[in-house]
PDB file of N, CA and C in Angstrom:
ATOM      1  N   MET A   1      49.911 135.915  76.509  1.00  0.00           N
ATOM      2  CA  MET A   1      50.427 137.142  77.056  1.00  0.00           C
ATOM      3  C   MET A   1      51.849 136.507  78.304  1.00  0.00           C
ATOM      4  N   ALA A   2      51.681 135.005  78.653  1.00  0.00           N
ATOM      5  CA  ALA A   2      52.915 134.095  79.945  1.00  0.00           C
ATOM      6  C   ALA A   2      53.753 134.389  78.510  1.00  0.00           C
ATOM      7  N   ALA A   3      53.342 133.806  77.279  1.00  0.00           N
ATOM      8  CA  ALA A   3      54.577 132.966  76.767  1.00  0.00           C
ATOM      9  C   ALA A   3      55.727 134.841  75.974  1.00  0.00           C
ATOM     10  N   GLU A   4      55.010 136.262  76.807  1.00  0.00           N
ATOM     11  CA  GLU A   4      56.233 137.128  76.616  1.00  0.00           C
ATOM     12  C   GLU A   4      56.701 137.500  77.361  1.00  0.00           C
ATOM     13  N   ASN A   5      56.559 136.816  78.738  1.00  0.00           N
ATOM     14  CA  ASN A   5      57.300 136.384  79.497  1.00  0.00           C
ATOM     15  C   ASN A   5      58.252 135.497  80.040  1.00  0.00           C
ATOM     16  N   ALA A   6      58.322 135.123  79.231  1.00  0.00           N
ATOM     17  CA  ALA A   6      58.714 132.767  79.028  1.00  0.00           C
ATOM     18  C   ALA A   6      60.103 133.577  78.989  1.00  0.00           C
ATOM     19  N   TRP A   7      61.914 132.453  79.905  1.00  0.00           N
ATOM     20  CA  TRP A   7      62.342 132.694  79.413  1.00  0.00           C
ATOM     21  C   TRP A   7      63.296 131.441  78.625  1.00  0.00           C
ATOM     22  N   MET A   8      63.704 131.673  77.694  1.00  0.00           N
ATOM     23  CA  MET A   8      64.325 130.712  76.876  1.00  0.00           C
ATOM     24  C   MET A   8      65.582 130.037  77.154  1.00  0.00           C
ATOM     25  N   PHE A   9      66.062 128.927  77.684  1.00  0.00           N
ATOM     26  CA  PHE A   9      67.637 128.525  77.436  1.00  0.00           C
ATOM     27  C   PHE A   9      68.064 127.989  76.661  1.00  0.00           C
ATOM     28  N   ASP A  10      68.940 127.259  76.161  1.00  0.00           N
ATOM     29  CA  ASP A  10      69.627 126.254  75.733  1.00  0.00           C
ATOM     30  C   ASP A  10      70.117 125.447  76.512  1.00  0.00           C
ATOM     31  N   ASP A  11      70.021 123.979  75.995  1.00  0.00           N
ATOM     32  CA  ASP A  11      70.103 123.845  77.167  1.00  0.00           C
ATOM     33  C   ASP A  11      71.367 122.540  76.145  1.00  0.00           C
ATOM     34  N   PHE A  12      71.856 122.346  76.734  1.00  0.00           N
ATOM     35  CA  PHE A  12      73.990 121.998  77.009  1.00  0.00           C
ATOM     36  C   PHE A  12      74.046 121.023  77.809  1.00  0.00           C
ATOM     37  N   PHE A  13      72.816 120.682  78.497  1.00  0.00           N
ATOM     38  CA  PHE A  13      73.023 118.862  79.527  1.00  0.00           C
ATOM     39  C   PHE A  13      73.277 118.375  79.290  1.00  0.00           C
ATOM     40  N   PRO A  14      73.028 117.721  77.781  1.00  0.00           N
ATOM     41  CA  PRO A  14      73.310 116.988  76.913  1.00  0.00           C
ATOM     42  C   PRO A  14      75.039 116.415  75.960  1.00  0.00           C
ATOM     43  N   SER A  15      75.377 118.116  76.293  1.00  0.00           N
ATOM     44  CA  SER A  15      76.615 117.871  75.630  1.00  0.00           C
ATOM     45  C   SER A  15      77.474 117.584  76.516  1.00  0.00           C
ATOM     46  N   MET A  16      76.954 118.564  77.665  1.00  0.00           N
ATOM     47  CA  MET A  16      78.393 118.587  79.267  1.00  0.00           C
ATOM     48  C   MET A  16      77.901 117.318  79.195  1.00  0.00           C
ATOM     49  N   VAL A  17      77.479 116.271  80.214  1.00  0.00           N
ATOM     50  CA  VAL A  17      77.553 114.900  80.044  1.00  0.00           C
ATOM     51  C   VAL A  17      78.551 114.479  78.777  1.00  0.00           C
ATOM     52  N   GLN A  18      78.039 114.276  77.494  1.00  0.00           N
ATOM     53  CA  GLN A  18      78.584 113.470  76.791  1.00  0.00           C
ATOM     54  C   GLN A  18      80.169 114.299  76.759  1.00  0.00           C
ATOM     55  N   GLN A  19      80.853 114.983  76.689  1.00  0.00           N
ATOM     56  CA  GLN A  19      82.355 115.382  77.087  1.00  0.00           C
ATOM     57  C   GLN A  19      82.699 114.808  79.193  1.00  0.00           C
ATOM     58  N   LEU A  20      82.302 115.265  79.835  1.00  0.00           N
ATOM     59  CA  LEU A  20      82.319 115.136  81.096  1.00  0.00           C
ATOM     60  C   LEU A  20      81.927 113.743  81.586  1.00  0.00           C
ATOM     61  N   GLY A  21      81.026 112.469  80.992  1.00  0.00           N
ATOM     62  CA  GLY A  21      81.188 111.685  81.338  1.00  0.00           C
ATOM     63  C   GLY A  21      79.731 112.218  82.574  1.00  0.00           C
ATOM     64  N   ALA A  22      78.894 111.013  83.059  1.00  0.00           N
ATOM     65  CA  ALA A  22      77.715 110.884  84.397  1.00  0.00           C
ATOM     66  C   ALA A  22      78.493 111.857  85.610  1.00  0.00           C
ATOM     67  N   GLU A  23      79.499 111.412  86.288  1.00  0.00           N
ATOM     68  CA  GLU A  23      80.335 111.981  87.231  1.00  0.00           C
ATOM     69  C   GLU A  23      80.608 113.068  87.018  1.00  0.00           C
ATOM     70  N   GLY A  24      81.324 114.077  86.165  1.00  0.00           N
ATOM     71  CA  GLY A  24      81.895 114.724  86.077  1.00  0.00           C
ATOM     72  C   GLY A  24      80.751 115.414  85.480  1.00  0.00           C
ATOM     73  N   PHE A  25      79.666 115.383  85.041  1.00  0.00           N
ATOM     74  CA  PHE A  25      78.855 116.328  84.925  1.00  0.00           C
ATOM     75  C   PHE A  25      77.813 116.748  86.519  1.00  0.00           C
ATOM     76  N   ILE A  26      77.446 115.339  87.666  1.00  0.00           N
ATOM     77  CA  ILE A  26      77.845 115.532  88.499  1.00  0.00           C
ATOM     78  C   ILE A  26      77.800 116.748  89.478  1.00  0.00           C
ATOM     79  N   ILE A  27      79.382 116.778  89.101  1.00  0.00           N
ATOM     80  CA  ILE A  27      80.513 117.721  90.031  1.00  0.00           C
ATOM     81  C   ILE A  27      79.442 119.295  89.698  1.00  0.00           C
ATOM     82  N   GLU A  28      79.689 119.195  88.394  1.00  0.00           N
ATOM     83  CA  GLU A  28      79.981 120.938  87.975  1.00  0.00           C
ATOM     84  C   GLU A  28      78.781 121.040  88.117  1.00  0.00           C
ATOM     85  N   LEU A  29      77.535 120.232  88.006  1.00  0.00           N
ATOM     86  CA  LEU A  29      76.401 120.738  89.022  1.00  0.00           C
ATOM     87  C   LEU A  29      76.153 121.372  90.581  1.00  0.00           C
ATOM     88  N   CYS A  30      77.381 120.850  91.142  1.00  0.00           N
ATOM     89  CA  CYS A  30      77.940 120.749  92.477  1.00  0.00           C
ATOM     90  C   CYS A  30      78.578 122.499  92.280  1.00  0.00           C
ATOM     91  N   ASN A  31      79.342 122.383  91.231  1.00  0.00           N
ATOM     92  CA  ASN A  31      80.150 123.539  91.037  1.00  0.00           C
ATOM     93  C   ASN A  31      79.349 124.896  91.148  1.00  0.00           C
ATOM     94  N   GLY A  32      77.921 124.615  89.933  1.00  0.00           N
ATOM     95  CA  GLY A  32      77.118 125.883  89.994  1.00  0.00           C
ATOM     96  C   GLY A  32      75.848 125.812  90.874  1.00  0.00           C
ATOM     97  N   PHE A  33      75.708 124.933  92.052  1.00  0.00           N
ATOM     98  CA  PHE A  33      75.796 125.116  93.288  1.00  0.00           C
ATOM     99  C   PHE A  33      75.834 126.252  94.005  1.00  0.00           C
ATOM    100  N   SER A  34      77.231 125.583  94.409  1.00  0.00           N
ATOM    101  CA  SER A  34      78.018 126.843  94.834  1.00  0.00           C
ATOM    102  C   SER A  34      78.419 127.540  94.710  1.00  0.00           C
ATOM    103  N   ILE A  35      78.347 128.182  93.199  1.00  0.00           N
ATOM    104  CA  ILE A  35      77.839 129.846  93.357  1.00  0.00           C
ATOM    105  C   ILE A  35      77.334 130.544  92.458  1.00  0.00           C
ATOM    106  N   LEU A  36      76.134 129.061  92.897  1.00  0.00           N
ATOM    107  CA  LEU A  36      74.618 130.689  93.246  1.00  0.00           C
ATOM    108  C   LEU A  36      74.178 130.645  94.516  1.00  0.00           C
ATOM    109  N   MET A  37      74.535 129.394  95.918  1.00  0.00           N
ATOM    110  CA  MET A  37      74.092 129.556  96.600  1.00  0.00           C
ATOM    111  C   MET A  37      74.377 130.770  97.144  1.00  0.00           C
ATOM    112  N   ASP A  38      73.942 130.789  98.716  1.00  0.00           N
ATOM    113  CA  ASP A  38      74.540 132.142  99.966  1.00  0.00           C
ATOM    114  C   ASP A  38      75.335 130.614 100.498  1.00  0.00           C
ATOM    115  N   THR A  39      76.183 131.273 100.919  1.00  0.00           N
ATOM    116  CA  THR A  39      77.707 131.208 101.456  1.00  0.00           C
ATOM    117  C   THR A  39      77.118 130.980 103.383  1.00  0.00           C
ATOM    118  N   GLU A  40      76.019 131.514 103.664  1.00  0.00           N
ATOM    119  CA  GLU A  40      76.006 131.684 104.555  1.00  0.00           C
ATOM    120  C   GLU A  40      75.564 130.617 105.245  1.00  0.00           C
ATOM    121  N   LYS A  41      74.062 130.345 104.109  1.00  0.00           N
ATOM    122  CA  LYS A  41      72.560 128.898 104.548  1.00  0.00           C
ATOM    123  C   LYS A  41      72.679 128.178 103.902  1.00  0.00           C
ATOM    124  N   GLY A  42      73.359 127.948 102.757  1.00  0.00           N
ATOM    125  CA  GLY A  42      73.971 126.918 102.099  1.00  0.00           C
ATOM    126  C   GLY A  42      73.662 126.164 101.349  1.00  0.00           C
ATOM    127  N   LEU A  43      72.730 127.370 100.573  1.00  0.00           N
ATOM    128  CA  LEU A  43      71.514 126.963 100.388  1.00  0.00           C
ATOM    129  C   LEU A  43      70.599 128.444  99.304  1.00  0.00           C
ATOM    130  N   ILE A  44      70.656 128.156  97.827  1.00  0.00           N
ATOM    131  CA  ILE A  44      70.086 128.841  96.671  1.00  0.00           C
ATOM    132  C   ILE A  44      68.997 129.996  96.909  1.00  0.00           C
ATOM    133  N   THR A  45      68.754 131.318  97.650  1.00  0.00           N
ATOM    134  CA  THR A  45      67.339 131.565  97.537  1.00  0.00           C
ATOM    135  C   THR A  45      67.201 132.501  96.736  1.00  0.00           C
ATOM    136  N   PHE A  46      67.213 133.724  97.102  1.00  0.00           N
ATOM    137  CA  PHE A  46      66.218 134.861  96.582  1.00  0.00           C
ATOM    138  C   PHE A  46      67.421 135.900  96.360  1.00  0.00           C
ATOM    139  N   GLU A  47      67.771 135.837  97.571  1.00  0.00           N
ATOM    140  CA  GLU A  47      68.708 136.809  97.199  1.00  0.00           C
ATOM    141  C   GLU A  47      70.113 136.184  97.123  1.00  0.00           C
ATOM    142  N   SER A  48      70.495 135.053  96.820  1.00  0.00           N
ATOM    143  CA  SER A  48      71.580 134.704  96.423  1.00  0.00           C
ATOM    144  C   SER A  48      71.186 134.936  94.654  1.00  0.00           C
ATOM    145  N   LEU A  49      69.843 134.330  94.082  1.00  0.00           N
ATOM    146  CA  LEU A  49      69.565 134.232  92.904  1.00  0.00           C
ATOM    147  C   LEU A  49      69.683 135.486  92.241  1.00  0.00           C
ATOM    148  N   LYS A  50      68.729 136.650  92.803  1.00  0.00           N
ATOM    149  CA  LYS A  50      69.122 137.272  92.318  1.00  0.00           C
ATOM    150  C   LYS A  50      70.415 138.121  92.046  1.00  0.00           C
ATOM    151  N   ARG A  51      71.781 138.265  93.332  1.00  0.00           N
ATOM    152  CA  ARG A  51      72.378 138.878  93.397  1.00  0.00           C
ATOM    153  C   ARG A  51      73.452 138.432  91.547  1.00  0.00           C
ATOM    154  N   ASN A  52      72.942 136.932  91.612  1.00  0.00           N
ATOM    155  CA  ASN A  52      73.951 136.405  89.888  1.00  0.00           C
ATOM    156  C   ASN A  52      72.910 136.553  89.542  1.00  0.00           C
ATOM    157  N   THR A  53      72.159 137.394  88.873  1.00  0.00           N
ATOM    158  CA  THR A  53      71.667 137.210  87.315  1.00  0.00           C
ATOM    159  C   THR A  53      72.657 137.538  86.679  1.00  0.00           C
ATOM    160  N   LEU A  54      73.403 138.447  86.724  1.00  0.00           N
ATOM    161  CA  LEU A  54      74.016 138.791  85.818  1.00  0.00           C
ATOM    162  C   LEU A  54      75.386 138.138  85.249  1.00  0.00           C
ATOM    163  N   LEU A  55      75.023 136.715  86.522  1.00  0.00           N
ATOM    164  CA  LEU A  55      76.210 135.591  86.410  1.00  0.00           C
ATOM    165  C   LEU A  55      75.984 135.045  85.015  1.00  0.00           C
ATOM    166  N   LEU A  56      74.266 134.870  85.705  1.00  0.00           N
ATOM    167  CA  LEU A  56      73.607 133.973  84.290  1.00  0.00           C
ATOM    168  C   LEU A  56      72.810 134.330  83.704  1.00  0.00           C
ATOM    169  N   GLY A  57      73.284 135.517  83.079  1.00  0.00           N
ATOM    170  CA  GLY A  57      73.206 136.323  81.520  1.00  0.00           C
ATOM    171  C   GLY A  57      71.147 136.401  81.613  1.00  0.00           C
ATOM    172  N   VAL A  58      70.997 136.750  82.947  1.00  0.00           N
ATOM    173  CA  VAL A  58      69.385 137.207  82.926  1.00  0.00           C
ATOM    174  C   VAL A  58      69.678 138.415  83.487  1.00  0.00           C
ATOM    175  N   GLU A  59      69.881 139.625  84.424  1.00  0.00           N
ATOM    176  CA  GLU A  59      69.885 140.558  84.648  1.00  0.00           C
ATOM    177  C   GLU A  59      68.498 141.121  84.294  1.00  0.00           C
ATOM    178  N   ASP A  60      67.888 141.278  83.300  1.00  0.00           N
ATOM    179  CA  ASP A  60      67.260 141.633  83.447  1.00  0.00           C
ATOM    180  C   ASP A  60      65.700 140.881  84.005  1.00  0.00           C
ATOM    181  N   MET A  61      66.154 139.743  84.284  1.00  0.00           N
ATOM    182  CA  MET A  61      64.265 138.648  84.945  1.00  0.00           C
ATOM    183  C   MET A  61      63.909 139.306  86.529  1.00  0.00           C
ATOM    184  N   ARG A  62      62.490 139.472  86.096  1.00  0.00           N
ATOM    185  CA  ARG A  62      62.326 140.262  87.726  1.00  0.00           C
ATOM    186  C   ARG A  62      62.201 139.434  87.960  1.00  0.00           C
ATOM    187  N   ASP A  63      61.789 140.131  89.651  1.00  0.00           N
ATOM    188  CA  ASP A  63      61.693 139.432  91.261  1.00  0.00           C
ATOM    189  C   ASP A  63      60.073 138.164  90.990  1.00  0.00           C
ATOM    190  N   ASP A  64      59.406 138.382  89.985  1.00  0.00           N
ATOM    191  CA  ASP A  64      58.255 137.658  90.318  1.00  0.00           C
ATOM    192  C   ASP A  64      59.388 135.905  89.634  1.00  0.00           C
ATOM    193  N   ASP A  65      59.656 136.440  88.212  1.00  0.00           N
ATOM    194  CA  ASP A  65      60.896 134.877  87.308  1.00  0.00           C
ATOM    195  C   ASP A  65      61.133 134.530  88.598  1.00  0.00           C
ATOM    196  N   ILE A  66      61.938 135.037  89.170  1.00  0.00           N
ATOM    197  CA  ILE A  66      63.059 134.584  89.564  1.00  0.00           C
ATOM    198  C   ILE A  66      61.809 133.483  91.329  1.00  0.00           C
ATOM    199  N   LEU A  67      61.085 134.095  91.542  1.00  0.00           N
ATOM    200  CA  LEU A  67      60.169 133.488  92.395  1.00  0.00           C
ATOM    201  C   LEU A  67      59.814 132.113  92.221  1.00  0.00           C
ATOM    202  N   CYS A  68      59.346 132.324  91.248  1.00  0.00           N
ATOM    203  CA  CYS A  68      58.798 131.126  90.343  1.00  0.00           C
ATOM    204  C   CYS A  68      59.894 130.157  89.889  1.00  0.00           C
ATOM    205  N   MET A  69      61.409 130.669  89.798  1.00  0.00           N
ATOM    206  CA  MET A  69      62.598 129.100  89.585  1.00  0.00           C
ATOM    207  C   MET A  69      62.544 128.955  90.342  1.00  0.00           C
ATOM    208  N   LEU A  70      62.853 129.721  92.369  1.00  0.00           N
ATOM    209  CA  LEU A  70      62.292 128.744  93.065  1.00  0.00           C
ATOM    210  C   LEU A  70      61.244 127.873  93.508  1.00  0.00           C
ATOM    211  N   SER A  71      60.072 129.034  93.606  1.00  0.00           N
ATOM    212  CA  SER A  71      59.504 127.665  93.299  1.00  0.00           C
ATOM    213  C   SER A  71      58.935 125.793  92.506  1.00  0.00           C
ATOM    214  N   GLU A  72      59.668 126.275  91.160  1.00  0.00           N
ATOM    215  CA  GLU A  72      59.805 125.215  90.654  1.00  0.00           C
ATOM    216  C   GLU A  72      60.172 124.143  91.113  1.00  0.00           C
ATOM    217  N   GLY A  73      61.129 124.050  92.275  1.00  0.00           N
ATOM    218  CA  GLY A  73      62.645 123.394  92.863  1.00  0.00           C
ATOM    219  C   GLY A  73      62.511 122.861  93.714  1.00  0.00           C
ATOM    220  N   ASP A  74      61.040 124.091  95.100  1.00  0.00           N
ATOM    221  CA  ASP A  74      61.271 123.762  95.660  1.00  0.00           C
ATOM    222  C   ASP A  74      60.701 122.570  96.166  1.00  0.00           C
ATOM    223  N   ILE A  75      61.530 121.821  96.969  1.00  0.00           N
ATOM    224  CA  ILE A  75      60.374 120.527  97.017  1.00  0.00           C
ATOM    225  C   ILE A  75      59.791 120.402  99.153  1.00  0.00           C
ATOM    226  N   ASP A  76      60.689 120.943  99.584  1.00  0.00           N
ATOM    227  CA  ASP A  76      60.596 120.914 100.917  1.00  0.00           C
ATOM    228  C   ASP A  76      59.834 122.901 100.629  1.00  0.00           C
ATOM    229  N   GLY A  77      59.674 123.123  99.942  1.00  0.00           N
ATOM    230  CA  GLY A  77      58.679 124.037 100.492  1.00  0.00           C
ATOM    231  C   GLY A  77      58.792 125.542 101.821  1.00  0.00           C
ATOM    232  N   ASP A  78      60.899 125.327 101.614  1.00  0.00           N
ATOM    233  CA  ASP A  78      61.301 126.305 102.999  1.00  0.00           C
ATOM    234  C   ASP A  78      61.563 127.674 101.760  1.00  0.00           C
ATOM    235  N   GLY A  79      61.563 127.596 101.022  1.00  0.00           N
ATOM    236  CA  GLY A  79      61.650 128.931  99.853  1.00  0.00           C
ATOM    237  C   GLY A  79      63.060 129.272  99.469  1.00  0.00           C
ATOM    238  N   ALA A  80      63.634 128.059  99.038  1.00  0.00           N
ATOM    239  CA  ALA A  80      64.857 128.071  98.468  1.00  0.00           C
ATOM    240  C   ALA A  80      65.618 126.281  98.426  1.00  0.00           C
ATOM    241  N   LEU A  81      66.483 126.969  97.645  1.00  0.00           N
ATOM    242  CA  LEU A  81      66.816 125.627  96.996  1.00  0.00           C
ATOM    243  C   LEU A  81      68.551 124.456  97.623  1.00  0.00           C
ATOM    244  N   ASN A  82      68.273 123.816  98.121  1.00  0.00           N
ATOM    245  CA  ASN A  82      69.137 122.834  98.461  1.00  0.00           C
ATOM    246  C   ASN A  82      70.009 121.568  97.555  1.00  0.00           C
ATOM    247  N   GLN A  83      71.101 121.462  98.144  1.00  0.00           N
ATOM    248  CA  GLN A  83      71.912 121.233  96.468  1.00  0.00           C
ATOM    249  C   GLN A  83      70.818 120.086  95.596  1.00  0.00           C
ATOM    250  N   MET A  84      70.293 119.171  96.848  1.00  0.00           N
ATOM    251  CA  MET A  84      69.837 117.953  96.216  1.00  0.00           C
ATOM    252  C   MET A  84      68.272 118.677  94.610  1.00  0.00           C
ATOM    253  N   GLU A  85      67.483 119.650  95.459  1.00  0.00           N
ATOM    254  CA  GLU A  85      66.002 120.423  94.776  1.00  0.00           C
ATOM    255  C   GLU A  85      66.984 120.577  93.612  1.00  0.00           C
ATOM    256  N   PHE A  86      68.290 121.561  94.142  1.00  0.00           N
ATOM    257  CA  PHE A  86      68.764 121.801  92.545  1.00  0.00           C
ATOM    258  C   PHE A  86      68.998 121.511  91.345  1.00  0.00           C
ATOM    259  N   CYS A  87      70.101 120.285  92.023  1.00  0.00           N
ATOM    260  CA  CYS A  87      69.926 119.337  90.604  1.00  0.00           C
ATOM    261  C   CYS A  87      69.049 118.084  90.346  1.00  0.00           C
ATOM    262  N   ILE A  88      67.815 118.356  91.136  1.00  0.00           N
ATOM    263  CA  ILE A  88      66.456 117.676  90.156  1.00  0.00           C
ATOM    264  C   ILE A  88      65.968 118.747  89.408  1.00  0.00           C
ATOM    265  N   LEU A  89      66.080 119.925  89.737  1.00  0.00           N
ATOM    266  CA  LEU A  89      65.929 120.824  88.970  1.00  0.00           C
ATOM    267  C   LEU A  89      66.133 120.609  87.835  1.00  0.00           C
ATOM    268  N   MET A  90      67.585 120.658  87.456  1.00  0.00           N
ATOM    269  CA  MET A  90      68.495 120.723  86.355  1.00  0.00           C
ATOM    270  C   MET A  90      68.152 119.876  85.725  1.00  0.00           C
ATOM    271  N   PHE A  91      68.283 118.417  86.509  1.00  0.00           N
ATOM    272  CA  PHE A  91      67.230 117.315  85.439  1.00  0.00           C
ATOM    273  C   PHE A  91      65.972 117.835  84.849  1.00  0.00           C
ATOM    274  N   ARG A  92      65.498 118.331  85.247  1.00  0.00           N
ATOM    275  CA  ARG A  92      64.129 117.655  85.208  1.00  0.00           C
ATOM    276  C   ARG A  92      63.566 118.978  84.148  1.00  0.00           C
ATOM    277  N   LEU A  93      64.671 120.312  84.223  1.00  0.00           N
ATOM    278  CA  LEU A  93      64.589 121.489  83.403  1.00  0.00           C
ATOM    279  C   LEU A  93      65.270 121.096  81.687  1.00  0.00           C
ATOM    280  N   SER A  94      66.142 119.716  81.718  1.00  0.00           N
ATOM    281  CA  SER A  94      66.594 118.998  80.569  1.00  0.00           C
ATOM    282  C   SER A  94      66.669 117.780  80.490  1.00  0.00           C
ATOM    283  N   PRO A  95      65.950 117.518  79.733  1.00  0.00           N
ATOM    284  CA  PRO A  95      64.750 116.332  78.895  1.00  0.00           C
ATOM    285  C   PRO A  95      66.253 115.871  78.402  1.00  0.00           C
ATOM    286  N   GLY A  96      66.809 116.531  77.504  1.00  0.00           N
ATOM    287  CA  GLY A  96      67.740 115.730  76.411  1.00  0.00           C
ATOM    288  C   GLY A  96      68.739 115.369  77.858  1.00  0.00           C
ATOM    289  N   VAL A  97      69.155 115.783  78.552  1.00  0.00           N
ATOM    290  CA  VAL A  97      70.047 114.174  79.595  1.00  0.00           C
ATOM    291  C   VAL A  97      69.143 113.398  79.725  1.00  0.00           C
ATOM    292  N   MET A  98      67.824 112.746  80.079  1.00  0.00           N
ATOM    293  CA  MET A  98      67.886 111.285  79.436  1.00  0.00           C
ATOM    294  C   MET A  98      67.718 110.743  77.673  1.00  0.00           C
ATOM    295  N   ASP A  99      68.166 112.034  76.946  1.00  0.00           N
ATOM    296  CA  ASP A  99      67.983 111.050  75.709  1.00  0.00           C
ATOM    297  C   ASP A  99      68.782 109.728  76.063  1.00  0.00           C
ATOM    298  N   GLY A 100      70.086 110.284  76.219  1.00  0.00           N
ATOM    299  CA  GLY A 100      71.271 108.685  75.576  1.00  0.00           C
ATOM    300  C   GLY A 100      70.520 107.971  76.895  1.00  0.00           C
ATOM    301  N   PRO A 101      70.664 108.079  78.200  1.00  0.00           N
ATOM    302  CA  PRO A 101      70.307 106.673  78.807  1.00  0.00           C
ATOM    303  C   PRO A 101      68.723 105.983  77.731  1.00  0.00           C
ATOM    304  N   ARG A 102      67.556 107.046  78.067  1.00  0.00           N
ATOM    305  CA  ARG A 102      67.112 106.432  77.040  1.00  0.00           C
ATOM    306  C   ARG A 102      67.421 105.613  76.171  1.00  0.00           C
ATOM    307  N   ARG A 103      67.734 106.250  75.075  1.00  0.00           N
ATOM    308  CA  ARG A 103      68.218 105.450  73.316  1.00  0.00           C
ATOM    309  C   ARG A 103      69.378 104.037  74.133  1.00  0.00           C
ATOM    310  N   TRP A 104      70.430 104.245  75.078  1.00  0.00           N
ATOM    311  CA  TRP A 104      71.011 102.463  75.577  1.00  0.00           C
ATOM    312  C   TRP A 104      69.824 101.780  76.403  1.00  0.00           C
ATOM    313  N   MET A 105      68.797 102.345  76.786  1.00  0.00           N
ATOM    314  CA  MET A 105      68.021 101.196  76.664  1.00  0.00           C
ATOM    315  C   MET A 105      67.427 101.335  75.470  1.00  0.00           C
ATOM    316  N   GLU A 106      66.660 101.863  75.040  1.00  0.00           N
ATOM    317  CA  GLU A 106      66.392 101.383  74.138  1.00  0.00           C
ATOM    318  C   GLU A 106      66.834  99.791  72.691  1.00  0.00           C
ATOM    319  N   ASP A 107      68.108 100.476  72.801  1.00  0.00           N
ATOM    320  CA  ASP A 107      68.806  99.160  72.217  1.00  0.00           C
ATOM    321  C   ASP A 107      69.155  98.523  72.742  1.00  0.00           C
ATOM    322  N   ALA A 108      69.561  98.131  74.539  1.00  0.00           N
ATOM    323  CA  ALA A 108      69.335  97.018  75.199  1.00  0.00           C
ATOM    324  C   ALA A 108      67.983  96.639  75.013  1.00  0.00           C
ATOM    325  N   ASP A 109      67.583  96.911  74.417  1.00  0.00           N
ATOM    326  CA  ASP A 109      65.662  95.784  74.371  1.00  0.00           C
ATOM    327  C   ASP A 109      66.607  94.945  73.200  1.00  0.00           C
ATOM    328  N   VAL A 110      66.318  95.763  71.964  1.00  0.00           N
ATOM    329  CA  VAL A 110      67.394  95.108  70.692  1.00  0.00           C
ATOM    330  C   VAL A 110      67.608  93.482  70.745  1.00  0.00           C
ATOM    331  N   TYR A 111      68.825  93.908  71.316  1.00  0.00           N
ATOM    332  CA  TYR A 111      69.349  93.147  72.586  1.00  0.00           C
ATOM    333  C   TYR A 111      68.808  91.792  73.156  1.00  0.00           C
ATOM    334  N   LEU A 112      67.982  92.150  74.152  1.00  0.00           N
ATOM    335  CA  LEU A 112      67.764  91.292  75.211  1.00  0.00           C
ATOM    336  C   LEU A 112      66.451  90.764  74.863  1.00  0.00           C
ATOM    337  N   MET A 113      65.795  90.548  72.603  1.00  0.00           N
ATOM    338  CA  MET A 113      65.088  90.004  72.484  1.00  0.00           C
ATOM    339  C   MET A 113      65.224  88.777  71.383  1.00  0.00           C
TER     340      MET A 113
END
């Protein structure tokens, strides 16, 4: 039953990091946050996320799914996402972003032995 309501997203972050570099990728994440946030509060709120579902291509997303997305990244418990919480959530939801650094560390271990 839960699988019926699961939203699937393509993970483009690894290719973005490869093309933009780490600094460019972080800048793009911050730009994404700015697009989604409530400009008066400086946070991504339920209302601001709901307003942007069409932009995100998930206009059929239910309110409880939006709330779940917010709670997934809400570290301080205020019901909204600040920029740091948003960036942390994006990294957590994209394990592929860390594949490159993991490989580099594994390669480095080979050279250090």
